Amino acid sequence: MPYPNEHSMRIADPSKFIEGSMRSKDLGSGIRIIIGKLKGENSMSTQAIRFDKGKFTFEQAKEWIKSHGYKPISMEKATG
């Protein structure tokens, strides 16, 4: 689902996570990570990474994802 002010890079399907385990953590500089516990696991895993469209173009967000070794299952440009 596109967001009005954030580019979204989905790393894992949210249905694979334990309901109620999702958390958002600000990484600073316009980057926010969504983490949660995968079903059957105890540690936290990355579900998505979101980028403030005022600080990152969609191309810059894609480059950040690539340079940090993530392999997104989907990428959506901010709509607003």
Protein backbone atom coordinates (compact mmCIF):
# COMPACT_ATOMS: atom_id res chain seq x y z
CA MET A 1 0.00 0.00 0.00
CA PRO A 2 1.52 3.36 -0.99
CA TYR A 3 1.95 6.00 1.71
CA PRO A 4 1.53 9.75 1.14
CA ASN A 5 4.85 10.90 2.60
CA GLU A 6 7.06 7.82 2.63
CA HIS A 7 8.61 5.53 0.04
CA SER A 8 8.08 1.98 1.26
CA MET A 9 10.36 -0.99 0.74
CA ARG A 10 8.71 -4.21 1.89
CA ILE A 11 11.29 -6.78 2.94
CA ALA A 12 8.96 -9.54 4.17
CA ASP A 13 5.26 -10.35 3.96
CA PRO A 14 3.50 -8.98 7.07
CA SER A 15 1.34 -12.13 7.32
CA LYS A 16 4.49 -14.06 8.33
CA PHE A 17 4.78 -12.05 11.57
CA ILE A 18 3.17 -12.64 14.96
CA GLU A 19 0.18 -10.35 15.34
CA GLY A 20 0.93 -7.46 17.72
CA SER A 21 4.72 -7.86 17.51
CA MET A 22 5.35 -5.10 14.97
CA ARG A 23 7.30 -2.02 16.05
CA SER A 24 8.56 1.08 14.29
CA LYS A 25 12.05 2.39 14.95
CA ASP A 26 13.47 5.68 13.70
CA LEU A 27 16.94 5.19 12.24
CA GLY A 28 17.40 8.94 11.82
CA SER A 29 17.86 11.06 8.71
CA GLY A 30 14.39 10.22 7.35
CA ILE A 31 14.61 6.43 7.58
CA ARG A 32 12.18 4.33 9.60
CA ILE A 33 12.35 0.55 9.99
CA ILE A 34 9.39 -1.71 10.76
CA ILE A 35 10.37 -4.81 12.73
CA GLY A 36 8.51 -7.71 14.29
CA LYS A 37 8.77 -11.34 15.33
CA LEU A 38 8.35 -13.88 12.58
CA LYS A 39 6.02 -16.76 13.44
CA GLY A 40 8.06 -19.50 15.12
CA GLU A 41 10.98 -17.22 15.99
CA ASN A 42 11.94 -15.20 19.08
CA SER A 43 14.15 -12.52 17.56
CA MET A 44 13.00 -9.41 15.72
CA SER A 45 13.22 -9.28 11.92
CA THR A 46 12.84 -6.47 9.41
CA GLN A 47 9.45 -6.30 7.72
CA ALA A 48 9.78 -2.95 5.90
CA ILE A 49 11.88 0.17 5.59
CA ARG A 50 10.31 3.55 4.91
CA PHE A 51 11.96 6.71 3.64
CA ASP A 52 10.77 10.29 4.13
CA LYS A 53 10.03 11.58 0.61
CA GLY A 54 11.23 15.04 1.69
CA LYS A 55 14.72 13.64 2.34
CA PHE A 56 14.98 10.81 -0.20
CA THR A 57 13.96 10.48 -3.80
CA PHE A 58 12.57 7.08 -4.73
CA GLU A 59 15.83 6.34 -6.57
CA GLN A 60 17.91 7.27 -3.50
CA ALA A 61 15.76 5.00 -1.32
CA LYS A 62 16.27 2.11 -3.76
CA GLU A 63 20.03 2.73 -3.75
CA TRP A 64 20.13 2.78 0.09
CA ILE A 65 18.26 -0.55 0.20
CA LYS A 66 20.67 -2.10 -2.31
CA SER A 67 23.81 -0.75 -0.61
CA HIS A 68 22.67 -2.16 2.75
CA GLY A 69 22.08 -5.67 1.36
CA TYR A 70 18.28 -5.79 1.55
CA LYS A 71 16.27 -7.63 -1.09
CA PRO A 72 12.78 -6.12 -1.04
CA ILE A 73 9.75 -8.09 -2.20
CA SER A 74 8.09 -4.82 -3.25
CA MET A 75 8.93 -1.11 -3.53
CA GLU A 76 6.37 1.68 -3.58
CA LYS A 77 6.89 5.35 -4.28
CA ALA A 78 5.23 7.88 -1.94
CA THR A 79 1.90 9.07 -3.31
CA GLY A 80 1.67 12.57 -1.81
